[in-house]
PDB file of N, CA and C in Angstrom:
ATOM      1  N   MET A   1       0.853  -1.172   0.000  1.00  0.00           N
ATOM      2  CA  MET A   1       0.000   0.000   0.000  1.00  0.00           C
ATOM      3  C   MET A   1       0.902   1.239   0.000  1.00  0.00           C
ATOM      4  N   ARG A   2       0.585   2.175  -0.869  1.00  0.00           N
ATOM      5  CA  ARG A   2       1.397   3.384  -0.996  1.00  0.00           C
ATOM      6  C   ARG A   2       0.877   4.528  -0.142  1.00  0.00           C
ATOM      7  N   GLY A   3      -0.427   4.544   0.133  1.00  0.00           N
ATOM      8  CA  GLY A   3      -1.002   5.615   0.940  1.00  0.00           C
ATOM      9  C   GLY A   3      -2.342   5.211   1.500  1.00  0.00           C
ATOM     10  N   PHE A   4      -2.775   5.961   2.492  1.00  0.00           N
ATOM     11  CA  PHE A   4      -4.007   5.646   3.209  1.00  0.00           C
ATOM     12  C   PHE A   4      -4.602   6.935   3.748  1.00  0.00           C
ATOM     13  N   VAL A   5      -5.922   7.058   3.679  1.00  0.00           N
ATOM     14  CA  VAL A   5      -6.606   8.195   4.294  1.00  0.00           C
ATOM     15  C   VAL A   5      -7.878   7.690   4.966  1.00  0.00           C
ATOM     16  N   ALA A   6      -8.123   8.177   6.185  1.00  0.00           N
ATOM     17  CA  ALA A   6      -9.364   7.896   6.915  1.00  0.00           C
ATOM     18  C   ALA A   6     -10.052   9.243   7.125  1.00  0.00           C
ATOM     19  N   TYR A   7     -11.325   9.305   6.770  1.00  0.00           N
ATOM     20  CA  TYR A   7     -12.050  10.579   6.852  1.00  0.00           C
ATOM     21  C   TYR A   7     -13.539  10.317   6.978  1.00  0.00           C
ATOM     22  N   GLY A   8     -14.260  11.356   7.338  1.00  0.00           N
ATOM     23  CA  GLY A   8     -15.704  11.246   7.409  1.00  0.00           C
ATOM     24  C   GLY A   8     -16.304  12.520   7.959  1.00  0.00           C
ATOM     25  N   PRO A   9     -17.621  12.589   7.954  1.00  0.00           N
ATOM     26  CA  PRO A   9     -18.293  13.764   8.500  1.00  0.00           C
ATOM     27  C   PRO A   9     -17.958  13.948   9.977  1.00  0.00           C
ATOM     28  N   ALA A  10     -17.706  15.172  10.363  1.00  0.00           N
ATOM     29  CA  ALA A  10     -17.450  15.465  11.776  1.00  0.00           C
ATOM     30  C   ALA A  10     -18.780  15.402  12.528  1.00  0.00           C
ATOM     31  N   PRO A  11     -18.838  14.621  13.590  1.00  0.00           N
ATOM     32  CA  PRO A  11     -20.087  14.502  14.343  1.00  0.00           C
ATOM     33  C   PRO A  11     -20.594  15.864  14.836  1.00  0.00           C
ATOM     34  N   LEU A  12     -21.898  16.025  14.792  1.00  0.00           N
ATOM     35  CA  LEU A  12     -22.588  17.206  15.307  1.00  0.00           C
ATOM     36  C   LEU A  12     -22.224  18.492  14.575  1.00  0.00           C
ATOM     37  N   THR A  13     -21.766  18.373  13.311  1.00  0.00           N
ATOM     38  CA  THR A  13     -21.485  19.556  12.504  1.00  0.00           C
ATOM     39  C   THR A  13     -22.377  19.555  11.277  1.00  0.00           C
ATOM     40  N   ASP A  14     -22.496  20.708  10.663  1.00  0.00           N
ATOM     41  CA  ASP A  14     -23.244  20.851   9.419  1.00  0.00           C
ATOM     42  C   ASP A  14     -22.246  21.171   8.315  1.00  0.00           C
ATOM     43  N   GLY A  15     -21.762  20.139   7.623  1.00  0.00           N
ATOM     44  CA  GLY A  15     -20.908  20.368   6.481  1.00  0.00           C
ATOM     45  C   GLY A  15     -19.416  20.384   6.740  1.00  0.00           C
ATOM     46  N   THR A  16     -18.974  19.727   7.798  1.00  0.00           N
ATOM     47  CA  THR A  16     -17.543  19.632   8.060  1.00  0.00           C
ATOM     48  C   THR A  16     -17.108  18.174   7.936  1.00  0.00           C
ATOM     49  N   THR A  17     -16.051  17.964   7.174  1.00  0.00           N
ATOM     50  CA  THR A  17     -15.451  16.640   7.032  1.00  0.00           C
ATOM     51  C   THR A  17     -14.097  16.666   7.723  1.00  0.00           C
ATOM     52  N   ASP A  18     -13.813  15.633   8.512  1.00  0.00           N
ATOM     53  CA  ASP A  18     -12.530  15.494   9.199  1.00  0.00           C
ATOM     54  C   ASP A  18     -11.670  14.456   8.493  1.00  0.00           C
ATOM     55  N   ILE A  19     -10.410  14.799   8.288  1.00  0.00           N
ATOM     56  CA  ILE A  19      -9.413  13.797   7.920  1.00  0.00           C
ATOM     57  C   ILE A  19      -8.778  13.371   9.235  1.00  0.00           C
ATOM     58  N   SER A  20      -9.013  12.141   9.623  1.00  0.00           N
ATOM     59  CA  SER A  20      -8.493  11.692  10.913  1.00  0.00           C
ATOM     60  C   SER A  20      -7.123  11.035  10.781  1.00  0.00           C
ATOM     61  N   TRP A  21      -6.782  10.558   9.583  1.00  0.00           N
ATOM     62  CA  TRP A  21      -5.467   9.944   9.399  1.00  0.00           C
ATOM     63  C   TRP A  21      -5.105   9.991   7.928  1.00  0.00           C
ATOM     64  N   LEU A  22      -3.899  10.444   7.640  1.00  0.00           N
ATOM     65  CA  LEU A  22      -3.365  10.454   6.285  1.00  0.00           C
ATOM     66  C   LEU A  22      -1.917  10.011   6.367  1.00  0.00           C
ATOM     67  N   ALA A  23      -1.573   8.983   5.623  1.00  0.00           N
ATOM     68  CA  ALA A  23      -0.206   8.470   5.654  1.00  0.00           C
ATOM     69  C   ALA A  23       0.205   8.043   4.251  1.00  0.00           C
ATOM     70  N   VAL A  24       1.472   8.297   3.929  1.00  0.00           N
ATOM     71  CA  VAL A  24       2.044   7.872   2.657  1.00  0.00           C
ATOM     72  C   VAL A  24       3.340   7.124   2.971  1.00  0.00           C
ATOM     73  N   ASP A  25       3.521   5.989   2.332  1.00  0.00           N
ATOM     74  CA  ASP A  25       4.753   5.208   2.494  1.00  0.00           C
ATOM     75  C   ASP A  25       5.950   6.131   2.277  1.00  0.00           C
ATOM     76  N   PRO A  26       6.900   6.158   3.205  1.00  0.00           N
ATOM     77  CA  PRO A  26       8.063   7.043   3.060  1.00  0.00           C
ATOM     78  C   PRO A  26       8.801   6.863   1.728  1.00  0.00           C
ATOM     79  N   ASN A  27       8.786   5.660   1.167  1.00  0.00           N
ATOM     80  CA  ASN A  27       9.441   5.420  -0.118  1.00  0.00           C
ATOM     81  C   ASN A  27       8.685   6.036  -1.295  1.00  0.00           C
ATOM     82  N   CYS A  28       7.451   6.475  -1.053  1.00  0.00           N
ATOM     83  CA  CYS A  28       6.617   7.033  -2.118  1.00  0.00           C
ATOM     84  C   CYS A  28       6.335   8.516  -1.920  1.00  0.00           C
ATOM     85  N   GLN A  29       6.842   9.101  -0.844  1.00  0.00           N
ATOM     86  CA  GLN A  29       6.562  10.508  -0.577  1.00  0.00           C
ATOM     87  C   GLN A  29       7.178  11.378  -1.668  1.00  0.00           C
ATOM     88  N   GLY A  30       6.483  12.457  -1.983  1.00  0.00           N
ATOM     89  CA  GLY A  30       6.925  13.363  -3.040  1.00  0.00           C
ATOM     90  C   GLY A  30       6.391  12.991  -4.411  1.00  0.00           C
ATOM     91  N   GLU A  31       5.573  11.951  -4.490  1.00  0.00           N
ATOM     92  CA  GLU A  31       5.010  11.505  -5.768  1.00  0.00           C
ATOM     93  C   GLU A  31       3.588  12.010  -5.995  1.00  0.00           C
ATOM     94  N   GLY A  32       3.052  12.805  -5.068  1.00  0.00           N
ATOM     95  CA  GLY A  32       1.697  13.336  -5.227  1.00  0.00           C
ATOM     96  C   GLY A  32       0.600  12.444  -4.681  1.00  0.00           C
ATOM     97  N   ILE A  33       0.974  11.384  -3.991  1.00  0.00           N
ATOM     98  CA  ILE A  33      -0.028  10.450  -3.461  1.00  0.00           C
ATOM     99  C   ILE A  33      -0.865  11.119  -2.382  1.00  0.00           C
ATOM    100  N   GLY A  34      -0.222  11.811  -1.450  1.00  0.00           N
ATOM    101  CA  GLY A  34      -0.966  12.506  -0.398  1.00  0.00           C
ATOM    102  C   GLY A  34      -1.922  13.540  -0.977  1.00  0.00           C
ATOM    103  N   ALA A  35      -1.452  14.303  -1.953  1.00  0.00           N
ATOM    104  CA  ALA A  35      -2.313  15.313  -2.587  1.00  0.00           C
ATOM    105  C   ALA A  35      -3.496  14.657  -3.282  1.00  0.00           C
ATOM    106  N   ALA A  36      -3.258  13.523  -3.943  1.00  0.00           N
ATOM    107  CA  ALA A  36      -4.359  12.819  -4.610  1.00  0.00           C
ATOM    108  C   ALA A  36      -5.378  12.310  -3.596  1.00  0.00           C
ATOM    109  N   LEU A  37      -4.897  11.808  -2.476  1.00  0.00           N
ATOM    110  CA  LEU A  37      -5.817  11.347  -1.433  1.00  0.00           C
ATOM    111  C   LEU A  37      -6.635  12.500  -0.867  1.00  0.00           C
ATOM    112  N   VAL A  38      -6.003  13.643  -0.627  1.00  0.00           N
ATOM    113  CA  VAL A  38      -6.720  14.814  -0.108  1.00  0.00           C
ATOM    114  C   VAL A  38      -7.743  15.297  -1.134  1.00  0.00           C
ATOM    115  N   GLU A  39      -7.387  15.314  -2.414  1.00  0.00           N
ATOM    116  CA  GLU A  39      -8.346  15.731  -3.444  1.00  0.00           C
ATOM    117  C   GLU A  39      -9.534  14.783  -3.489  1.00  0.00           C
ATOM    118  N   HIS A  40      -9.283  13.494  -3.304  1.00  0.00           N
ATOM    119  CA  HIS A  40     -10.379  12.522  -3.247  1.00  0.00           C
ATOM    120  C   HIS A  40     -11.316  12.853  -2.087  1.00  0.00           C
ATOM    121  N   VAL A  41     -10.747  13.128  -0.921  1.00  0.00           N
ATOM    122  CA  VAL A  41     -11.559  13.489   0.239  1.00  0.00           C
ATOM    123  C   VAL A  41     -12.374  14.744  -0.055  1.00  0.00           C
ATOM    124  N   CYS A  42     -11.728  15.760  -0.609  1.00  0.00           N
ATOM    125  CA  CYS A  42     -12.428  17.016  -0.897  1.00  0.00           C
ATOM    126  C   CYS A  42     -13.547  16.810  -1.916  1.00  0.00           C
ATOM    127  N   ASP A  43     -13.299  16.001  -2.947  1.00  0.00           N
ATOM    128  CA  ASP A  43     -14.347  15.704  -3.938  1.00  0.00           C
ATOM    129  C   ASP A  43     -15.527  15.003  -3.288  1.00  0.00           C
ATOM    130  N   GLU A  44     -15.242  13.990  -2.481  1.00  0.00           N
ATOM    131  CA  GLU A  44     -16.314  13.266  -1.788  1.00  0.00           C
ATOM    132  C   GLU A  44     -17.075  14.196  -0.831  1.00  0.00           C
ATOM    133  N   ALA A  45     -16.332  15.041  -0.130  1.00  0.00           N
ATOM    134  CA  ALA A  45     -16.965  15.967   0.813  1.00  0.00           C
ATOM    135  C   ALA A  45     -17.883  16.937   0.081  1.00  0.00           C
ATOM    136  N   ARG A  46     -17.405  17.492  -1.039  1.00  0.00           N
ATOM    137  CA  ARG A  46     -18.240  18.408  -1.840  1.00  0.00           C
ATOM    138  C   ARG A  46     -19.527  17.723  -2.281  1.00  0.00           C
ATOM    139  N   GLN A  47     -19.394  16.499  -2.785  1.00  0.00           N
ATOM    140  CA  GLN A  47     -20.560  15.756  -3.264  1.00  0.00           C
ATOM    141  C   GLN A  47     -21.571  15.504  -2.149  1.00  0.00           C
ATOM    142  N   SER A  48     -21.088  15.430  -0.927  1.00  0.00           N
ATOM    143  CA  SER A  48     -22.008  15.196   0.198  1.00  0.00           C
ATOM    144  C   SER A  48     -22.524  16.511   0.788  1.00  0.00           C
ATOM    145  N   GLY A  49     -22.110  17.643   0.204  1.00  0.00           N
ATOM    146  CA  GLY A  49     -22.597  18.932   0.674  1.00  0.00           C
ATOM    147  C   GLY A  49     -21.741  19.595   1.742  1.00  0.00           C
ATOM    148  N   ALA A  50     -20.548  19.093   1.967  1.00  0.00           N
ATOM    149  CA  ALA A  50     -19.680  19.685   2.997  1.00  0.00           C
ATOM    150  C   ALA A  50     -19.197  21.070   2.569  1.00  0.00           C
ATOM    151  N   ARG A  51     -18.903  21.883   3.558  1.00  0.00           N
ATOM    152  CA  ARG A  51     -18.399  23.243   3.354  1.00  0.00           C
ATOM    153  C   ARG A  51     -16.894  23.338   3.532  1.00  0.00           C
ATOM    154  N   GLN A  52     -16.337  22.400   4.322  1.00  0.00           N
ATOM    155  CA  GLN A  52     -14.925  22.496   4.666  1.00  0.00           C
ATOM    156  C   GLN A  52     -14.383  21.132   5.078  1.00  0.00           C
ATOM    157  N   VAL A  53     -13.054  21.029   4.989  1.00  0.00           N
ATOM    158  CA  VAL A  53     -12.347  19.828   5.419  1.00  0.00           C
ATOM    159  C   VAL A  53     -11.317  20.256   6.458  1.00  0.00           C
ATOM    160  N   LEU A  54     -11.286  19.534   7.581  1.00  0.00           N
ATOM    161  CA  LEU A  54     -10.332  19.817   8.658  1.00  0.00           C
ATOM    162  C   LEU A  54      -9.335  18.675   8.777  1.00  0.00           C
ATOM    163  N   VAL A  55      -8.113  19.038   9.182  1.00  0.00           N
ATOM    164  CA  VAL A  55      -7.071  18.065   9.485  1.00  0.00           C
ATOM    165  C   VAL A  55      -6.245  18.633  10.628  1.00  0.00           C
ATOM    166  N   GLU A  56      -5.674  17.771  11.432  1.00  0.00           N
ATOM    167  CA  GLU A  56      -4.792  18.249  12.501  1.00  0.00           C
ATOM    168  C   GLU A  56      -3.424  17.624  12.331  1.00  0.00           C
ATOM    169  N   THR A  57      -2.416  18.315  12.842  1.00  0.00           N
ATOM    170  CA  THR A  57      -1.053  17.826  12.784  1.00  0.00           C
ATOM    171  C   THR A  57      -0.260  18.375  13.955  1.00  0.00           C
ATOM    172  N   SER A  58       0.970  17.952  14.039  1.00  0.00           N
ATOM    173  CA  SER A  58       1.877  18.341  15.112  1.00  0.00           C
ATOM    174  C   SER A  58       2.731  19.533  14.691  1.00  0.00           C
ATOM    175  N   SER A  59       3.205  20.274  15.674  1.00  0.00           N
ATOM    176  CA  SER A  59       4.055  21.437  15.401  1.00  0.00           C
ATOM    177  C   SER A  59       5.539  21.097  15.341  1.00  0.00           C
ATOM    178  N   THR A  60       5.896  19.840  15.596  1.00  0.00           N
ATOM    179  CA  THR A  60       7.316  19.494  15.639  1.00  0.00           C
ATOM    180  C   THR A  60       7.924  19.489  14.241  1.00  0.00           C
ATOM    181  N   GLY A  61       9.240  19.571  14.207  1.00  0.00           N
ATOM    182  CA  GLY A  61       9.961  19.566  12.948  1.00  0.00           C
ATOM    183  C   GLY A  61       9.717  18.328  12.110  1.00  0.00           C
ATOM    184  N   ARG A  62       9.452  17.230  12.767  1.00  0.00           N
ATOM    185  CA  ARG A  62       9.177  15.975  12.057  1.00  0.00           C
ATOM    186  C   ARG A  62       7.989  16.110  11.107  1.00  0.00           C
ATOM    187  N   TYR A  63       7.055  17.013  11.426  1.00  0.00           N
ATOM    188  CA  TYR A  63       5.844  17.192  10.628  1.00  0.00           C
ATOM    189  C   TYR A  63       5.892  18.445   9.753  1.00  0.00           C
ATOM    190  N   GLU A  64       7.051  19.071   9.635  1.00  0.00           N
ATOM    191  CA  GLU A  64       7.163  20.277   8.815  1.00  0.00           C
ATOM    192  C   GLU A  64       6.788  19.996   7.356  1.00  0.00           C
ATOM    193  N   GLY A  65       7.225  18.880   6.827  1.00  0.00           N
ATOM    194  CA  GLY A  65       6.879  18.516   5.454  1.00  0.00           C
ATOM    195  C   GLY A  65       5.384  18.375   5.260  1.00  0.00           C
ATOM    196  N   ALA A  66       4.720  17.779   6.234  1.00  0.00           N
ATOM    197  CA  ALA A  66       3.264  17.625   6.157  1.00  0.00           C
ATOM    198  C   ALA A  66       2.585  18.989   6.191  1.00  0.00           C
ATOM    199  N   ARG A  67       3.057  19.867   7.074  1.00  0.00           N
ATOM    200  CA  ARG A  67       2.444  21.208   7.160  1.00  0.00           C
ATOM    201  C   ARG A  67       2.630  21.972   5.854  1.00  0.00           C
ATOM    202  N   LEU A  68       3.810  21.878   5.255  1.00  0.00           N
ATOM    203  CA  LEU A  68       4.055  22.549   3.974  1.00  0.00           C
ATOM    204  C   LEU A  68       3.171  21.964   2.877  1.00  0.00           C
ATOM    205  N   ALA A  69       3.007  20.656   2.887  1.00  0.00           N
ATOM    206  CA  ALA A  69       2.145  20.010   1.889  1.00  0.00           C
ATOM    207  C   ALA A  69       0.701  20.458   2.047  1.00  0.00           C
ATOM    208  N   TYR A  70       0.210  20.498   3.279  1.00  0.00           N
ATOM    209  CA  TYR A  70      -1.163  20.964   3.498  1.00  0.00           C
ATOM    210  C   TYR A  70      -1.327  22.410   3.031  1.00  0.00           C
ATOM    211  N   ASP A  71      -0.333  23.233   3.271  1.00  0.00           N
ATOM    212  CA  ASP A  71      -0.381  24.623   2.808  1.00  0.00           C
ATOM    213  C   ASP A  71      -0.499  24.666   1.282  1.00  0.00           C
ATOM    214  N   ARG A  72       0.294  23.877   0.591  1.00  0.00           N
ATOM    215  CA  ARG A  72       0.234  23.829  -0.880  1.00  0.00           C
ATOM    216  C   ARG A  72      -1.119  23.327  -1.374  1.00  0.00           C
ATOM    217  N   MET A  73      -1.786  22.508  -0.557  1.00  0.00           N
ATOM    218  CA  MET A  73      -3.091  21.962  -0.940  1.00  0.00           C
ATOM    219  C   MET A  73      -4.254  22.885  -0.570  1.00  0.00           C
ATOM    220  N   GLY A  74      -3.946  24.081  -0.060  1.00  0.00           N
ATOM    221  CA  GLY A  74      -4.997  25.051   0.212  1.00  0.00           C
ATOM    222  C   GLY A  74      -5.530  25.075   1.627  1.00  0.00           C
ATOM    223  N   PHE A  75      -4.859  24.392   2.556  1.00  0.00           N
ATOM    224  CA  PHE A  75      -5.269  24.423   3.955  1.00  0.00           C
ATOM    225  C   PHE A  75      -4.628  25.619   4.646  1.00  0.00           C
ATOM    226  N   GLU A  76      -5.307  26.159   5.636  1.00  0.00           N
ATOM    227  CA  GLU A  76      -4.715  27.223   6.448  1.00  0.00           C
ATOM    228  C   GLU A  76      -4.925  26.931   7.922  1.00  0.00           C
ATOM    229  N   GLU A  77      -3.954  27.343   8.720  1.00  0.00           N
ATOM    230  CA  GLU A  77      -4.027  27.122  10.165  1.00  0.00           C
ATOM    231  C   GLU A  77      -5.127  27.992  10.754  1.00  0.00           C
ATOM    232  N   VAL A  78      -6.004  27.368  11.550  1.00  0.00           N
ATOM    233  CA  VAL A  78      -7.081  28.103  12.208  1.00  0.00           C
ATOM    234  C   VAL A  78      -7.022  27.983  13.720  1.00  0.00           C
ATOM    235  N   SER A  79      -6.215  27.041  14.222  1.00  0.00           N
ATOM    236  CA  SER A  79      -6.145  26.855  15.664  1.00  0.00           C
ATOM    237  C   SER A  79      -4.839  26.172  16.034  1.00  0.00           C
ATOM    238  N   ARG A  80      -4.366  26.516  17.231  1.00  0.00           N
ATOM    239  CA  ARG A  80      -3.153  25.893  17.764  1.00  0.00           C
ATOM    240  C   ARG A  80      -3.349  25.722  19.266  1.00  0.00           C
ATOM    241  N   VAL A  81      -3.160  24.507  19.738  1.00  0.00           N
ATOM    242  CA  VAL A  81      -3.266  24.221  21.162  1.00  0.00           C
ATOM    243  C   VAL A  81      -1.850  23.942  21.670  1.00  0.00           C
ATOM    244  N   PRO A  82      -1.286  24.858  22.448  1.00  0.00           N
ATOM    245  CA  PRO A  82       0.087  24.681  22.922  1.00  0.00           C
ATOM    246  C   PRO A  82       0.247  23.421  23.775  1.00  0.00           C
ATOM    247  N   ASN A  83       1.365  22.752  23.577  1.00  0.00           N
ATOM    248  CA  ASN A  83       1.760  21.602  24.408  1.00  0.00           C
ATOM    249  C   ASN A  83       0.706  20.495  24.448  1.00  0.00           C
ATOM    250  N   TYR A  84      -0.043  20.339  23.380  1.00  0.00           N
ATOM    251  CA  TYR A  84      -1.145  19.374  23.353  1.00  0.00           C
ATOM    252  C   TYR A  84      -0.647  17.930  23.452  1.00  0.00           C
ATOM    253  N   TYR A  85       0.278  17.563  22.594  1.00  0.00           N
ATOM    254  CA  TYR A  85       0.766  16.181  22.575  1.00  0.00           C
ATOM    255  C   TYR A  85       1.758  15.933  23.704  1.00  0.00           C
ATOM    256  N   HIS A  86       2.624  16.896  23.937  1.00  0.00           N
ATOM    257  CA  HIS A  86       3.544  16.925  25.073  1.00  0.00           C
ATOM    258  C   HIS A  86       4.212  18.297  25.064  1.00  0.00           C
ATOM    259  N   ASP A  87       4.997  18.619  26.063  1.00  0.00           N
ATOM    260  CA  ASP A  87       5.640  19.939  26.125  1.00  0.00           C
ATOM    261  C   ASP A  87       6.401  20.221  24.837  1.00  0.00           C
ATOM    262  N   GLY A  88       6.106  21.362  24.253  1.00  0.00           N
ATOM    263  CA  GLY A  88       6.776  21.777  23.030  1.00  0.00           C
ATOM    264  C   GLY A  88       6.193  21.207  21.755  1.00  0.00           C
ATOM    265  N   ASP A  89       5.093  20.477  21.848  1.00  0.00           N
ATOM    266  CA  ASP A  89       4.476  19.872  20.670  1.00  0.00           C
ATOM    267  C   ASP A  89       3.002  20.282  20.616  1.00  0.00           C
ATOM    268  N   ASP A  90       2.736  21.316  19.825  1.00  0.00           N
ATOM    269  CA  ASP A  90       1.388  21.865  19.710  1.00  0.00           C
ATOM    270  C   ASP A  90       0.525  21.044  18.759  1.00  0.00           C
ATOM    271  N   ARG A  91      -0.762  21.094  18.988  1.00  0.00           N
ATOM    272  CA  ARG A  91      -1.751  20.541  18.057  1.00  0.00           C
ATOM    273  C   ARG A  91      -2.142  21.685  17.128  1.00  0.00           C
ATOM    274  N   ILE A  92      -1.972  21.481  15.837  1.00  0.00           N
ATOM    275  CA  ILE A  92      -2.329  22.492  14.845  1.00  0.00           C
ATOM    276  C   ILE A  92      -3.522  21.976  14.060  1.00  0.00           C
ATOM    277  N   ILE A  93      -4.564  22.786  13.975  1.00  0.00           N
ATOM    278  CA  ILE A  93      -5.760  22.431  13.207  1.00  0.00           C
ATOM    279  C   ILE A  93      -5.772  23.306  11.958  1.00  0.00           C
ATOM    280  N   LEU A  94      -5.942  22.629  10.821  1.00  0.00           N
ATOM    281  CA  LEU A  94      -5.937  23.287   9.517  1.00  0.00           C
ATOM    282  C   LEU A  94      -7.290  23.084   8.863  1.00  0.00           C
ATOM    283  N   VAL A  95      -7.714  24.049   8.056  1.00  0.00           N
ATOM    284  CA  VAL A  95      -8.996  23.949   7.354  1.00  0.00           C
ATOM    285  C   VAL A  95      -8.822  24.310   5.888  1.00  0.00           C
ATOM    286  N   ARG A  96      -9.593  23.657   5.079  1.00  0.00           N
ATOM    287  CA  ARG A  96      -9.684  24.002   3.654  1.00  0.00           C
ATOM    288  C   ARG A  96     -11.144  24.200   3.328  1.00  0.00           C
ATOM    289  N   LYS A  97     -11.479  25.395   2.882  1.00  0.00           N
ATOM    290  CA  LYS A  97     -12.853  25.702   2.473  1.00  0.00           C
ATOM    291  C   LYS A  97     -13.117  25.042   1.126  1.00  0.00           C
ATOM    292  N   LEU A  98     -14.315  24.544   0.958  1.00  0.00           N
ATOM    293  CA  LEU A  98     -14.682  23.895  -0.306  1.00  0.00           C
ATOM    294  C   LEU A  98     -15.539  24.815  -1.164  1.00  0.00           C
TER     295      LEU A  98
END
């Protein structure tokens, strides 16, 4: 398997889809697989009447590539919870309007 995405409607919302997990095999990163998976989610969300797609990530350097990729895909940071995962590791919530 080269990539995987888990997503669905956010409970108790009107038109929000959550991406709960997105992963691409490290040997396949940079090939556009993550972007294709996100576009699939956005297409499905639009068809179901969603207004936006949310994803969360970490603030650590290990996730810098993911944050840059989400930025290129049209996501913007809307929330940051300091020290969420552990000291010095914030939870960043990103949104893409559909």
